[in-house]
C-alpha atoms as a PDB file:
ATOM      1  CA  UNK A   1     -14.848 -12.364  -4.567  1.00  0.00           C
ATOM      2  CA  UNK A   2     -11.233 -13.553  -4.412  1.00  0.00           C
ATOM      3  CA  UNK A   3      -9.100 -14.066  -1.321  1.00  0.00           C
ATOM      4  CA  UNK A   4      -5.306 -13.869  -1.275  1.00  0.00           C
ATOM      5  CA  UNK A   5      -3.337 -15.358   1.615  1.00  0.00           C
ATOM      6  CA  UNK A   6       0.273 -14.164   1.882  1.00  0.00           C
ATOM      7  CA  UNK A   7       2.291 -16.355   4.250  1.00  0.00           C
ATOM      8  CA  UNK A   8       5.920 -15.618   5.026  1.00  0.00           C
ATOM      9  CA  UNK A   9       8.152 -18.592   5.751  1.00  0.00           C
ATOM     10  CA  UNK A  10       8.723 -19.412   9.410  1.00  0.00           C
ATOM     11  CA  UNK A  11      11.941 -18.700  11.325  1.00  0.00           C
ATOM     12  CA  UNK A  12      14.945 -20.267   9.596  1.00  0.00           C
ATOM     13  CA  UNK A  13      18.446 -21.133  10.692  1.00  0.00           C
ATOM     14  CA  UNK A  14      20.970 -18.401   9.925  1.00  0.00           C
ATOM     15  CA  UNK A  15      22.917 -19.054   6.766  1.00  0.00           C
ATOM     16  CA  UNK A  16      26.404 -20.460   7.130  1.00  0.00           C
ATOM     17  CA  UNK A  17      29.201 -19.587   4.740  1.00  0.00           C
ATOM     18  CA  UNK A  18      29.069 -23.030   3.141  1.00  0.00           C
ATOM     19  CA  UNK A  19      25.269 -23.194   3.071  1.00  0.00           C
ATOM     20  CA  UNK A  20      23.177 -21.836   0.243  1.00  0.00           C
ATOM     21  CA  UNK A  21      20.425 -19.434   1.350  1.00  0.00           C
ATOM     22  CA  UNK A  22      17.934 -21.521  -0.631  1.00  0.00           C
ATOM     23  CA  UNK A  23      18.710 -24.570   1.552  1.00  0.00           C
ATOM     24  CA  UNK A  24      18.234 -23.014   4.996  1.00  0.00           C
ATOM     25  CA  UNK A  25      15.973 -25.075   7.283  1.00  0.00           C
ATOM     26  CA  UNK A  26      13.483 -24.022   9.928  1.00  0.00           C
ATOM     27  CA  UNK A  27      14.508 -23.643  13.547  1.00  0.00           C
ATOM     28  CA  UNK A  28      12.559 -25.407  16.307  1.00  0.00           C
ATOM     29  CA  UNK A  29      10.665 -22.166  16.838  1.00  0.00           C
ATOM     30  CA  UNK A  30      10.011 -21.973  13.110  1.00  0.00           C
ATOM     31  CA  UNK A  31       8.536 -25.472  13.052  1.00  0.00           C
ATOM     32  CA  UNK A  32       6.284 -24.601  16.022  1.00  0.00           C
ATOM     33  CA  UNK A  33       5.218 -21.272  14.461  1.00  0.00           C
ATOM     34  CA  UNK A  34       4.406 -22.923  11.116  1.00  0.00           C
ATOM     35  CA  UNK A  35       2.223 -25.498  12.901  1.00  0.00           C
ATOM     36  CA  UNK A  36       0.498 -22.770  14.933  1.00  0.00           C
ATOM     37  CA  UNK A  37      -0.195 -20.759  11.793  1.00  0.00           C
ATOM     38  CA  UNK A  38      -1.632 -23.845  10.065  1.00  0.00           C
ATOM     39  CA  UNK A  39      -4.022 -24.311  13.008  1.00  0.00           C
ATOM     40  CA  UNK A  40      -4.945 -20.619  12.836  1.00  0.00           C
ATOM     41  CA  UNK A  41      -5.671 -20.872   9.108  1.00  0.00           C
ATOM     42  CA  UNK A  42      -8.017 -23.788   9.693  1.00  0.00           C
ATOM     43  CA  UNK A  43      -9.687 -22.184  12.721  1.00  0.00           C
ATOM     44  CA  UNK A  44     -10.337 -18.953  10.791  1.00  0.00           C
ATOM     45  CA  UNK A  45     -11.572 -20.803   7.699  1.00  0.00           C
ATOM     46  CA  UNK A  46      -8.728 -19.497   5.537  1.00  0.00           C
ATOM     47  CA  UNK A  47      -8.557 -22.654   3.455  1.00  0.00           C
ATOM     48  CA  UNK A  48      -6.625 -22.214   0.193  1.00  0.00           C
ATOM     49  CA  UNK A  49      -7.906 -23.775  -3.002  1.00  0.00           C
ATOM     50  CA  UNK A  50      -4.359 -23.563  -4.417  1.00  0.00           C
ATOM     51  CA  UNK A  51      -0.948 -22.782  -2.953  1.00  0.00           C
ATOM     52  CA  UNK A  52       1.962 -21.223  -4.814  1.00  0.00           C
ATOM     53  CA  UNK A  53       5.125 -21.832  -2.804  1.00  0.00           C
ATOM     54  CA  UNK A  54       8.740 -20.823  -3.219  1.00  0.00           C
ATOM     55  CA  UNK A  55      11.128 -23.709  -3.817  1.00  0.00           C
ATOM     56  CA  UNK A  56      13.347 -22.784  -0.848  1.00  0.00           C
ATOM     57  CA  UNK A  57      13.585 -25.423   1.861  1.00  0.00           C
ATOM     58  CA  UNK A  58      12.248 -23.061   4.549  1.00  0.00           C
ATOM     59  CA  UNK A  59       9.078 -22.264   2.573  1.00  0.00           C
ATOM     60  CA  UNK A  60       8.511 -25.932   1.717  1.00  0.00           C
ATOM     61  CA  UNK A  61       8.839 -26.764   5.432  1.00  0.00           C
ATOM     62  CA  UNK A  62       6.487 -23.896   6.350  1.00  0.00           C
ATOM     63  CA  UNK A  63       3.737 -25.126   4.046  1.00  0.00           C
ATOM     64  CA  UNK A  64       3.911 -28.776   5.226  1.00  0.00           C
ATOM     65  CA  UNK A  65       1.719 -28.302   8.339  1.00  0.00           C
ATOM     66  CA  UNK A  66      -0.757 -26.265   6.280  1.00  0.00           C
ATOM     67  CA  UNK A  67      -1.107 -29.187   3.876  1.00  0.00           C
ATOM     68  CA  UNK A  68      -1.710 -31.606   6.750  1.00  0.00           C
ATOM     69  CA  UNK A  69      -4.636 -29.547   8.068  1.00  0.00           C
ATOM     70  CA  UNK A  70      -5.927 -28.091   4.807  1.00  0.00           C
ATOM     71  CA  UNK A  71      -4.809 -30.176   1.822  1.00  0.00           C
ATOM     72  CA  UNK A  72      -4.628 -28.157  -1.393  1.00  0.00           C
ATOM     73  CA  UNK A  73      -2.806 -28.463  -4.701  1.00  0.00           C
ATOM     74  CA  UNK A  74       0.656 -26.884  -4.452  1.00  0.00           C
ATOM     75  CA  UNK A  75       2.806 -25.435  -7.192  1.00  0.00           C
ATOM     76  CA  UNK A  76       6.440 -25.054  -6.107  1.00  0.00           C
ATOM     77  CA  UNK A  77       7.791 -22.147  -8.145  1.00  0.00           C
ATOM     78  CA  UNK A  78      11.352 -20.881  -8.287  1.00  0.00           C
ATOM     79  CA  UNK A  79       9.883 -17.530  -9.413  1.00  0.00           C
ATOM     80  CA  UNK A  80       8.630 -16.898  -5.855  1.00  0.00           C
ATOM     81  CA  UNK A  81      12.074 -17.263  -4.286  1.00  0.00           C
ATOM     82  CA  UNK A  82      13.013 -13.742  -3.102  1.00  0.00           C
ATOM     83  CA  UNK A  83      10.501 -12.311  -5.611  1.00  0.00           C
ATOM     84  CA  UNK A  84       9.714  -8.598  -5.749  1.00  0.00           C
ATOM     85  CA  UNK A  85       6.098  -7.517  -5.212  1.00  0.00           C
ATOM     86  CA  UNK A  86       5.337  -7.040  -8.904  1.00  0.00           C
ATOM     87  CA  UNK A  87       6.278 -10.631  -9.688  1.00  0.00           C
ATOM     88  CA  UNK A  88       4.145 -11.926  -6.816  1.00  0.00           C
ATOM     89  CA  UNK A  89       1.184  -9.888  -8.031  1.00  0.00           C
ATOM     90  CA  UNK A  90       1.687 -11.181 -11.587  1.00  0.00           C
ATOM     91  CA  UNK A  91       1.702 -14.786 -10.335  1.00  0.00           C
ATOM     92  CA  UNK A  92      -1.604 -14.149  -8.565  1.00  0.00           C
ATOM     93  CA  UNK A  93      -3.034 -12.501 -11.690  1.00  0.00           C
ATOM     94  CA  UNK A  94      -2.146 -15.632 -13.668  1.00  0.00           C
ATOM     95  CA  UNK A  95      -3.916 -17.971 -11.225  1.00  0.00           C
ATOM     96  CA  UNK A  96      -6.817 -20.072 -12.423  1.00  0.00           C
ATOM     97  CA  UNK A  97     -10.167 -18.447 -11.732  1.00  0.00           C
ATOM     98  CA  UNK A  98     -11.420 -21.727 -10.247  1.00  0.00           C
ATOM     99  CA  UNK A  99      -8.992 -21.122  -7.361  1.00  0.00           C
ATOM    100  CA  UNK A 100     -10.903 -18.469  -5.420  1.00  0.00           C
ATOM    101  CA  UNK A 101      -8.637 -18.647  -2.354  1.00  0.00           C
ATOM    102  CA  UNK A 102      -5.000 -18.412  -3.385  1.00  0.00           C
ATOM    103  CA  UNK A 103      -2.059 -18.699  -0.996  1.00  0.00           C
ATOM    104  CA  UNK A 104       1.462 -17.480  -1.743  1.00  0.00           C
ATOM    105  CA  UNK A 105       4.220 -18.753   0.551  1.00  0.00           C
ATOM    106  CA  UNK A 106       7.388 -16.761   0.183  1.00  0.00           C
ATOM    107  CA  UNK A 107       9.905 -14.283   1.504  1.00  0.00           C
ATOM    108  CA  UNK A 108      10.398 -10.741   2.640  1.00  0.00           C
ATOM    109  CA  UNK A 109      10.657  -8.000   1.643  1.00  0.00           C
ATOM    110  CA  UNK A 110       8.557  -9.045  -1.374  1.00  0.00           C
ATOM    111  CA  UNK A 111       5.566 -10.397   0.561  1.00  0.00           C
ATOM    112  CA  UNK A 112       5.288  -7.345   2.801  1.00  0.00           C
ATOM    113  CA  UNK A 113       5.644  -4.987  -0.150  1.00  0.00           C
ATOM    114  CA  UNK A 114       3.061  -6.985  -2.126  1.00  0.00           C
ATOM    115  CA  UNK A 115       0.556  -6.811   0.748  1.00  0.00           C
ATOM    116  CA  UNK A 116       1.045  -3.046   1.072  1.00  0.00           C
ATOM    117  CA  UNK A 117       0.823  -2.602  -2.704  1.00  0.00           C
ATOM    118  CA  UNK A 118      -2.458  -4.528  -2.947  1.00  0.00           C
ATOM    119  CA  UNK A 119      -4.149  -3.162   0.195  1.00  0.00           C
ATOM    120  CA  UNK A 120      -6.707  -0.438  -0.313  1.00  0.00           C
ATOM    121  CA  UNK A 121      -6.817   2.752   1.708  1.00  0.00           C
ATOM    122  CA  UNK A 122      -8.278   1.573   5.030  1.00  0.00           C
ATOM    123  CA  UNK A 123     -11.944   2.371   5.563  1.00  0.00           C
ATOM    124  CA  UNK A 124     -12.317   1.423   9.231  1.00  0.00           C
ATOM    125  CA  UNK A 125     -10.021   1.942  12.232  1.00  0.00           C
ATOM    126  CA  UNK A 126      -9.437  -1.834  12.653  1.00  0.00           C
ATOM    127  CA  UNK A 127      -8.351  -2.108   9.033  1.00  0.00           C
ATOM    128  CA  UNK A 128      -6.026   0.878   9.518  1.00  0.00           C
ATOM    129  CA  UNK A 129      -4.557  -0.780  12.623  1.00  0.00           C
ATOM    130  CA  UNK A 130      -3.903  -4.034  10.718  1.00  0.00           C
ATOM    131  CA  UNK A 131      -2.151  -2.110   7.940  1.00  0.00           C
ATOM    132  CA  UNK A 132      -0.082  -0.112  10.441  1.00  0.00           C
ATOM    133  CA  UNK A 133       1.072  -3.321  12.159  1.00  0.00           C
ATOM    134  CA  UNK A 134       1.845  -4.956   8.805  1.00  0.00           C
ATOM    135  CA  UNK A 135       3.874  -1.960   7.629  1.00  0.00           C
ATOM    136  CA  UNK A 136       5.787  -1.869  10.926  1.00  0.00           C
ATOM    137  CA  UNK A 137       7.039  -5.425  10.479  1.00  0.00           C
ATOM    138  CA  UNK A 138       6.029  -8.560   8.555  1.00  0.00           C
ATOM    139  CA  UNK A 139       7.789 -11.150  10.757  1.00  0.00           C
ATOM    140  CA  UNK A 140       8.468 -14.781   9.963  1.00  0.00           C
ATOM    141  CA  UNK A 141       5.343 -16.986   9.772  1.00  0.00           C
ATOM    142  CA  UNK A 142       3.104 -13.902   9.530  1.00  0.00           C
ATOM    143  CA  UNK A 143      -0.052 -14.047   7.424  1.00  0.00           C
ATOM    144  CA  UNK A 144      -1.799 -11.258   5.510  1.00  0.00           C
ATOM    145  CA  UNK A 145      -5.325 -11.937   4.256  1.00  0.00           C
ATOM    146  CA  UNK A 146      -6.708  -9.695   1.522  1.00  0.00           C
ATOM    147  CA  UNK A 147     -10.168  -9.862  -0.060  1.00  0.00           C
ATOM    148  CA  UNK A 148     -10.833  -8.514  -3.538  1.00  0.00           C
ATOM    149  CA  UNK A 149     -14.211  -7.730  -5.055  1.00  0.00           C
ATOM    150  CA  UNK A 150     -13.239  -9.109  -8.464  1.00  0.00           C
ATOM    151  CA  UNK A 151     -14.551 -11.927 -10.640  1.00  0.00           C
ATOM    152  CA  UNK A 152     -11.203 -12.987 -12.128  1.00  0.00           C
ATOM    153  CA  UNK A 153      -7.622 -12.964 -10.892  1.00  0.00           C
ATOM    154  CA  UNK A 154      -6.604 -10.984 -14.010  1.00  0.00           C
ATOM    155  CA  UNK A 155      -8.507  -8.047 -12.451  1.00  0.00           C
ATOM    156  CA  UNK A 156      -6.215  -7.972  -9.410  1.00  0.00           C
ATOM    157  CA  UNK A 157      -4.849  -4.437  -9.110  1.00  0.00           C
ATOM    158  CA  UNK A 158      -2.877  -2.336  -6.619  1.00  0.00           C
ATOM    159  CA  UNK A 159      -4.898  -0.612  -3.915  1.00  0.00           C
ATOM    160  CA  UNK A 160      -8.006  -2.784  -4.292  1.00  0.00           C
ATOM    161  CA  UNK A 161      -7.666  -5.394  -1.539  1.00  0.00           C
ATOM    162  CA  UNK A 162      -9.405  -5.188   1.812  1.00  0.00           C
ATOM    163  CA  UNK A 163      -6.922  -6.262   4.509  1.00  0.00           C
ATOM    164  CA  UNK A 164      -9.220  -8.488   6.566  1.00  0.00           C
ATOM    165  CA  UNK A 165      -6.530 -10.011   8.775  1.00  0.00           C
ATOM    166  CA  UNK A 166      -2.877  -9.762   9.643  1.00  0.00           C
ATOM    167  CA  UNK A 167      -1.729 -12.439  12.062  1.00  0.00           C
ATOM    168  CA  UNK A 168       1.682 -12.997  13.568  1.00  0.00           C
ATOM    169  CA  UNK A 169       2.687 -16.048  15.591  1.00  0.00           C
ATOM    170  CA  UNK A 170       2.815 -13.958  18.767  1.00  0.00           C
ATOM    171  CA  UNK A 171      -0.838 -12.902  18.174  1.00  0.00           C
ATOM    172  CA  UNK A 172      -2.346 -16.372  17.949  1.00  0.00           C
END
């Protein structure tokens, strides 16, 4: 089994004309939401064996509290910055098989679209509800957790992941 954790960056300051989007920082609320999500990850046992994180300042700041509570090797990749879902899926497919719990920290709309792309057709009402909520909105600092019955990341394919959790800061 493989588990994929998709974490959207926390709430960031609006971009100013002179500020690059890549360099936007977290708001106070964003810092608090990132810390709350890190606590939720640990409480739920969603401990990544490897993290792939966008190089944007807001994603780097979002992952910091996760690393304090659940240290894991991190690869900061420019390829995740504003990546479309296909690129995110390809990065997961290229992950080392030793990393059974992989976390991607990135941006919307790519993360939301990736979660929807990878999620299977819901089997149970609770799974359907999680998918409905996810498709309605994937807010900042939200987390999608998908389990795959595969032996290797190369086998990751659309429509094969069981959406076991979708958590938003307001839910935890």
